[in-house]
Amino acid sequence: ANANVVFFDGITAGEKDFSALIARLKKENIDFVYYGGYYPEMGQMLRQARSVGLKTQFMGPEGVGNASLSNIAGDAAEGMLVTMPKRYDQDPTNQGIVDALKADKKDPSGPYVWITYAAVQSLATALERTGSDEPLALVKDLEANGANTVIGPLNWDEKGDLKGFDFGVFQWHADGSSTAAK
């Protein structure tokens, strides 16, 4: 892509006043910001940016994809872009798990819910197949055989990296929900 990176900056976790950063974004006429952090700071940035009329498109990773972001940012959260794993809570085959999570007052839409569930399923599968709790035996089993999980079949390469894991770009909404970006 022909992106012109105007500047690269960092923030301190827990920071609440982004007025200097927002003034710089406005002065430099920045049209896109990718923030690689978590929702508390992104929520503050969005709220403060919109309060001074900054229309910059913000985007972040799964760490900003949390319904609490909308509690912080309010209407300013509308339209933020988030890279997250596929929305497995919207897969009809997972409805039983979704219902159980909701009954336990848990949010089934969180970006870590389904990959964590799949990781535990993978470990349980390897433990059952090998009859061992030795880490190397489990790794070798998963490399050789993969595992069927709530997010589909998982397979790993020789370096231990997951093959073919789906990430997508989602548009965040002020009510804390998200939809696939168009």
C-alpha atoms as a PDB file:
ATOM      1  CA  ALA A   1       0.000   0.000   0.000  1.00  0.00           C
ATOM      2  CA  ASN A   2       1.060   3.550  -0.528  1.00  0.00           C
ATOM      3  CA  ALA A   3       0.608   4.703   3.034  1.00  0.00           C
ATOM      4  CA  ASN A   4       2.505   7.767   4.113  1.00  0.00           C
ATOM      5  CA  VAL A   5       3.502   7.231   7.750  1.00  0.00           C
ATOM      6  CA  VAL A   6       3.554  10.739   9.179  1.00  0.00           C
ATOM      7  CA  PHE A   7       4.736   9.799  12.656  1.00  0.00           C
ATOM      8  CA  PHE A   8       5.087   6.938  15.102  1.00  0.00           C
ATOM      9  CA  ASP A   9       4.429   7.587  18.759  1.00  0.00           C
ATOM     10  CA  GLY A  10       3.763   5.745  21.980  1.00  0.00           C
ATOM     11  CA  ILE A  11       1.688   6.306  25.075  1.00  0.00           C
ATOM     12  CA  THR A  12       1.887   5.235  28.696  1.00  0.00           C
ATOM     13  CA  ALA A  13      -0.577   2.562  29.803  1.00  0.00           C
ATOM     14  CA  GLY A  14      -3.131   4.157  32.087  1.00  0.00           C
ATOM     15  CA  GLU A  15      -2.740   7.585  30.495  1.00  0.00           C
ATOM     16  CA  LYS A  16      -5.954   9.606  30.439  1.00  0.00           C
ATOM     17  CA  ASP A  17      -5.058  12.946  28.851  1.00  0.00           C
ATOM     18  CA  PHE A  18      -4.402  12.684  25.127  1.00  0.00           C
ATOM     19  CA  SER A  19      -4.818  16.380  24.333  1.00  0.00           C
ATOM     20  CA  ALA A  20      -1.214  16.826  23.112  1.00  0.00           C
ATOM     21  CA  LEU A  21      -1.444  13.788  20.822  1.00  0.00           C
ATOM     22  CA  ILE A  22      -4.845  14.845  19.515  1.00  0.00           C
ATOM     23  CA  ALA A  23      -3.599  18.390  18.864  1.00  0.00           C
ATOM     24  CA  ARG A  24      -0.731  16.918  16.845  1.00  0.00           C
ATOM     25  CA  LEU A  25      -3.073  14.643  14.879  1.00  0.00           C
ATOM     26  CA  LYS A  26      -5.238  17.654  14.095  1.00  0.00           C
ATOM     27  CA  LYS A  27      -2.287  19.905  13.185  1.00  0.00           C
ATOM     28  CA  GLU A  28      -0.764  17.262  10.886  1.00  0.00           C
ATOM     29  CA  ASN A  29      -4.195  16.539   9.347  1.00  0.00           C
ATOM     30  CA  ILE A  30      -3.820  12.815  10.072  1.00  0.00           C
ATOM     31  CA  ASP A  31      -6.583  10.766   8.467  1.00  0.00           C
ATOM     32  CA  PHE A  32      -5.781   7.319   9.926  1.00  0.00           C
ATOM     33  CA  VAL A  33      -4.378   6.105  13.260  1.00  0.00           C
ATOM     34  CA  TYR A  34      -3.497   2.526  14.106  1.00  0.00           C
ATOM     35  CA  TYR A  35      -3.221   2.179  17.869  1.00  0.00           C
ATOM     36  CA  GLY A  36      -1.635  -1.073  19.062  1.00  0.00           C
ATOM     37  CA  GLY A  37      -2.822  -1.004  22.661  1.00  0.00           C
ATOM     38  CA  TYR A  38      -5.851  -1.717  24.809  1.00  0.00           C
ATOM     39  CA  TYR A  39      -9.394  -0.406  25.133  1.00  0.00           C
ATOM     40  CA  PRO A  40      -9.087   1.949  28.165  1.00  0.00           C
ATOM     41  CA  GLU A  41      -6.677   4.277  26.369  1.00  0.00           C
ATOM     42  CA  MET A  42      -8.373   3.891  22.971  1.00  0.00           C
ATOM     43  CA  GLY A  43     -11.700   4.797  24.556  1.00  0.00           C
ATOM     44  CA  GLN A  44     -10.201   7.966  26.037  1.00  0.00           C
ATOM     45  CA  MET A  45      -8.493   8.865  22.745  1.00  0.00           C
ATOM     46  CA  LEU A  46     -11.697   8.432  20.748  1.00  0.00           C
ATOM     47  CA  ARG A  47     -13.801  10.434  23.190  1.00  0.00           C
ATOM     48  CA  GLN A  48     -11.267  13.270  23.371  1.00  0.00           C
ATOM     49  CA  ALA A  49     -10.631  13.300  19.605  1.00  0.00           C
ATOM     50  CA  ARG A  50     -14.314  13.520  18.744  1.00  0.00           C
ATOM     51  CA  SER A  51     -14.908  16.200  21.400  1.00  0.00           C
ATOM     52  CA  VAL A  52     -12.602  18.556  19.454  1.00  0.00           C
ATOM     53  CA  GLY A  53     -14.063  17.613  16.075  1.00  0.00           C
ATOM     54  CA  LEU A  54     -11.265  15.295  14.915  1.00  0.00           C
ATOM     55  CA  LYS A  55     -12.692  12.910  12.292  1.00  0.00           C
ATOM     56  CA  THR A  56      -9.598  10.676  11.990  1.00  0.00           C
ATOM     57  CA  GLN A  57     -10.305   6.972  11.384  1.00  0.00           C
ATOM     58  CA  PHE A  58      -8.984   4.947  14.335  1.00  0.00           C
ATOM     59  CA  MET A  59      -8.109   1.256  14.200  1.00  0.00           C
ATOM     60  CA  GLY A  60      -6.709  -1.169  16.742  1.00  0.00           C
ATOM     61  CA  PRO A  61      -6.108  -4.841  17.522  1.00  0.00           C
ATOM     62  CA  GLU A  62      -8.274  -7.260  19.489  1.00  0.00           C
ATOM     63  CA  GLY A  63      -7.101  -5.549  22.699  1.00  0.00           C
ATOM     64  CA  VAL A  64      -9.415  -2.625  21.917  1.00  0.00           C
ATOM     65  CA  GLY A  65     -12.303  -4.902  20.927  1.00  0.00           C
ATOM     66  CA  ASN A  66     -14.019  -4.860  24.294  1.00  0.00           C
ATOM     67  CA  ALA A  67     -17.549  -3.692  25.106  1.00  0.00           C
ATOM     68  CA  SER A  68     -16.074  -1.571  27.909  1.00  0.00           C
ATOM     69  CA  LEU A  69     -14.475   0.634  25.240  1.00  0.00           C
ATOM     70  CA  SER A  70     -17.963   1.866  24.383  1.00  0.00           C
ATOM     71  CA  ASN A  71     -18.635   2.682  28.033  1.00  0.00           C
ATOM     72  CA  ILE A  72     -15.583   4.945  27.955  1.00  0.00           C
ATOM     73  CA  ALA A  73     -15.904   6.420  24.460  1.00  0.00           C
ATOM     74  CA  GLY A  74     -19.698   6.526  24.141  1.00  0.00           C
ATOM     75  CA  ASP A  75     -20.852   7.564  20.675  1.00  0.00           C
ATOM     76  CA  ALA A  76     -17.225   8.304  19.715  1.00  0.00           C
ATOM     77  CA  ALA A  77     -16.643   4.528  19.475  1.00  0.00           C
ATOM     78  CA  GLU A  78     -18.930   4.290  16.439  1.00  0.00           C
ATOM     79  CA  GLY A  79     -16.977   3.349  13.320  1.00  0.00           C
ATOM     80  CA  MET A  80     -13.661   2.445  14.930  1.00  0.00           C
ATOM     81  CA  LEU A  81     -12.029  -0.471  13.099  1.00  0.00           C
ATOM     82  CA  VAL A  82     -10.753  -3.527  14.962  1.00  0.00           C
ATOM     83  CA  THR A  83      -8.710  -6.506  13.792  1.00  0.00           C
ATOM     84  CA  MET A  84     -10.023  -9.557  15.625  1.00  0.00           C
ATOM     85  CA  PRO A  85     -10.501 -13.265  15.193  1.00  0.00           C
ATOM     86  CA  LYS A  86     -13.634 -14.323  13.377  1.00  0.00           C
ATOM     87  CA  ARG A  87     -16.852 -13.885  15.423  1.00  0.00           C
ATOM     88  CA  TYR A  88     -17.319 -17.508  16.490  1.00  0.00           C
ATOM     89  CA  ASP A  89     -20.196 -16.494  18.764  1.00  0.00           C
ATOM     90  CA  GLN A  90     -22.201 -15.867  15.586  1.00  0.00           C
ATOM     91  CA  ASP A  91     -21.687 -19.444  14.343  1.00  0.00           C
ATOM     92  CA  PRO A  92     -24.968 -21.345  14.903  1.00  0.00           C
ATOM     93  CA  THR A  93     -23.059 -24.517  15.848  1.00  0.00           C
ATOM     94  CA  ASN A  94     -21.753 -22.677  18.931  1.00  0.00           C
ATOM     95  CA  GLN A  95     -25.196 -21.567  20.173  1.00  0.00           C
ATOM     96  CA  GLY A  96     -25.110 -23.922  23.177  1.00  0.00           C
ATOM     97  CA  ILE A  97     -21.823 -22.432  24.361  1.00  0.00           C
ATOM     98  CA  VAL A  98     -23.101 -18.900  23.710  1.00  0.00           C
ATOM     99  CA  ASP A  99     -26.202 -19.622  25.805  1.00  0.00           C
ATOM    100  CA  ALA A 100     -24.112 -21.126  28.630  1.00  0.00           C
ATOM    101  CA  LEU A 101     -21.782 -18.105  28.674  1.00  0.00           C
ATOM    102  CA  LYS A 102     -24.705 -15.674  28.725  1.00  0.00           C
ATOM    103  CA  ALA A 103     -26.407 -17.666  31.510  1.00  0.00           C
ATOM    104  CA  ASP A 104     -23.185 -17.237  33.497  1.00  0.00           C
ATOM    105  CA  LYS A 105     -23.281 -13.477  32.717  1.00  0.00           C
ATOM    106  CA  LYS A 106     -20.201 -13.726  30.470  1.00  0.00           C
ATOM    107  CA  ASP A 107     -19.770 -11.941  27.136  1.00  0.00           C
ATOM    108  CA  PRO A 108     -19.499 -14.537  24.331  1.00  0.00           C
ATOM    109  CA  SER A 109     -18.367 -11.924  21.798  1.00  0.00           C
ATOM    110  CA  GLY A 110     -14.977 -11.152  23.354  1.00  0.00           C
ATOM    111  CA  PRO A 111     -12.005 -11.667  21.034  1.00  0.00           C
ATOM    112  CA  TYR A 112     -10.211 -14.050  23.404  1.00  0.00           C
ATOM    113  CA  VAL A 113     -13.205 -16.203  24.427  1.00  0.00           C
ATOM    114  CA  TRP A 114     -13.226 -18.594  21.495  1.00  0.00           C
ATOM    115  CA  ILE A 115      -9.496 -18.915  20.915  1.00  0.00           C
ATOM    116  CA  THR A 116      -9.036 -19.657  24.618  1.00  0.00           C
ATOM    117  CA  TYR A 117     -11.824 -22.237  24.506  1.00  0.00           C
ATOM    118  CA  ALA A 118     -10.170 -23.813  21.441  1.00  0.00           C
ATOM    119  CA  ALA A 119      -6.759 -23.832  23.152  1.00  0.00           C
ATOM    120  CA  VAL A 120      -8.190 -25.722  26.136  1.00  0.00           C
ATOM    121  CA  GLN A 121      -9.968 -28.149  23.795  1.00  0.00           C
ATOM    122  CA  SER A 122      -6.703 -28.727  21.907  1.00  0.00           C
ATOM    123  CA  LEU A 123      -4.795 -29.409  25.101  1.00  0.00           C
ATOM    124  CA  ALA A 124      -7.516 -31.774  26.362  1.00  0.00           C
ATOM    125  CA  THR A 125      -7.472 -33.624  23.032  1.00  0.00           C
ATOM    126  CA  ALA A 126      -3.689 -34.050  23.129  1.00  0.00           C
ATOM    127  CA  LEU A 127      -3.791 -35.162  26.785  1.00  0.00           C
ATOM    128  CA  GLU A 128      -6.423 -37.766  25.952  1.00  0.00           C
ATOM    129  CA  ARG A 129      -4.641 -39.055  22.838  1.00  0.00           C
ATOM    130  CA  THR A 130      -1.193 -39.294  24.401  1.00  0.00           C
ATOM    131  CA  GLY A 131      -2.092 -40.247  27.955  1.00  0.00           C
ATOM    132  CA  SER A 132       0.794 -37.982  28.923  1.00  0.00           C
ATOM    133  CA  ASP A 133       1.163 -34.572  30.479  1.00  0.00           C
ATOM    134  CA  GLU A 134       4.701 -34.110  29.159  1.00  0.00           C
ATOM    135  CA  PRO A 135       4.760 -30.842  27.182  1.00  0.00           C
ATOM    136  CA  LEU A 136       6.914 -32.196  24.344  1.00  0.00           C
ATOM    137  CA  ALA A 137       4.611 -35.207  23.860  1.00  0.00           C
ATOM    138  CA  LEU A 138       1.614 -32.877  23.679  1.00  0.00           C
ATOM    139  CA  VAL A 139       3.334 -30.572  21.180  1.00  0.00           C
ATOM    140  CA  LYS A 140       4.357 -33.491  18.963  1.00  0.00           C
ATOM    141  CA  ASP A 141       0.826 -34.896  19.062  1.00  0.00           C
ATOM    142  CA  LEU A 142      -0.756 -31.579  18.098  1.00  0.00           C
ATOM    143  CA  GLU A 143       1.792 -31.003  15.320  1.00  0.00           C
ATOM    144  CA  ALA A 144       1.091 -34.461  13.910  1.00  0.00           C
ATOM    145  CA  ASN A 145      -2.669 -34.686  14.445  1.00  0.00           C
ATOM    146  CA  GLY A 146      -4.123 -31.227  15.039  1.00  0.00           C
ATOM    147  CA  ALA A 147      -7.352 -30.852  17.004  1.00  0.00           C
ATOM    148  CA  ASN A 148     -11.031 -30.294  16.287  1.00  0.00           C
ATOM    149  CA  THR A 149     -12.338 -27.299  18.229  1.00  0.00           C
ATOM    150  CA  VAL A 150     -15.220 -24.841  18.469  1.00  0.00           C
ATOM    151  CA  ILE A 151     -13.411 -22.643  15.944  1.00  0.00           C
ATOM    152  CA  GLY A 152     -12.827 -25.526  13.549  1.00  0.00           C
ATOM    153  CA  PRO A 153      -9.925 -27.882  12.979  1.00  0.00           C
ATOM    154  CA  LEU A 154      -6.587 -26.513  14.157  1.00  0.00           C
ATOM    155  CA  ASN A 155      -3.195 -27.498  12.798  1.00  0.00           C
ATOM    156  CA  TRP A 156       0.292 -26.295  13.599  1.00  0.00           C
ATOM    157  CA  ASP A 157       3.452 -26.049  11.538  1.00  0.00           C
ATOM    158  CA  GLU A 158       6.895 -27.326  12.500  1.00  0.00           C
ATOM    159  CA  LYS A 159       7.636 -24.053  14.341  1.00  0.00           C
ATOM    160  CA  GLY A 160       4.493 -24.419  16.443  1.00  0.00           C
ATOM    161  CA  ASP A 161       2.629 -21.627  14.670  1.00  0.00           C
ATOM    162  CA  LEU A 162      -1.072 -22.066  14.027  1.00  0.00           C
ATOM    163  CA  LYS A 163      -1.893 -22.571  10.348  1.00  0.00           C
ATOM    164  CA  GLY A 164      -4.730 -20.699   8.675  1.00  0.00           C
ATOM    165  CA  PHE A 165      -6.145 -18.844  11.655  1.00  0.00           C
ATOM    166  CA  ASP A 166      -8.734 -16.310  10.471  1.00  0.00           C
ATOM    167  CA  PHE A 167      -8.575 -12.676  11.483  1.00  0.00           C
ATOM    168  CA  GLY A 168     -10.913 -10.069  10.119  1.00  0.00           C
ATOM    169  CA  VAL A 169     -11.549  -6.356  10.218  1.00  0.00           C
ATOM    170  CA  PHE A 170     -14.644  -5.340  12.149  1.00  0.00           C
ATOM    171  CA  GLN A 171     -16.439  -2.046  12.535  1.00  0.00           C
ATOM    172  CA  TRP A 172     -17.111  -1.176  16.168  1.00  0.00           C
ATOM    173  CA  HIS A 173     -20.409   0.319  17.261  1.00  0.00           C
ATOM    174  CA  ALA A 174     -21.243   2.673  20.110  1.00  0.00           C
ATOM    175  CA  ASP A 175     -23.360  -0.031  21.778  1.00  0.00           C
ATOM    176  CA  GLY A 176     -20.294  -2.304  22.117  1.00  0.00           C
ATOM    177  CA  SER A 177     -21.199  -4.605  19.239  1.00  0.00           C
ATOM    178  CA  SER A 178     -19.229  -5.128  16.044  1.00  0.00           C
ATOM    179  CA  THR A 179     -19.942  -6.150  12.479  1.00  0.00           C
ATOM    180  CA  ALA A 180     -17.669  -7.221   9.654  1.00  0.00           C
ATOM    181  CA  ALA A 181     -16.201  -4.120   7.997  1.00  0.00           C
ATOM    182  CA  LYS A 182     -17.132  -3.529   4.389  1.00  0.00           C
END
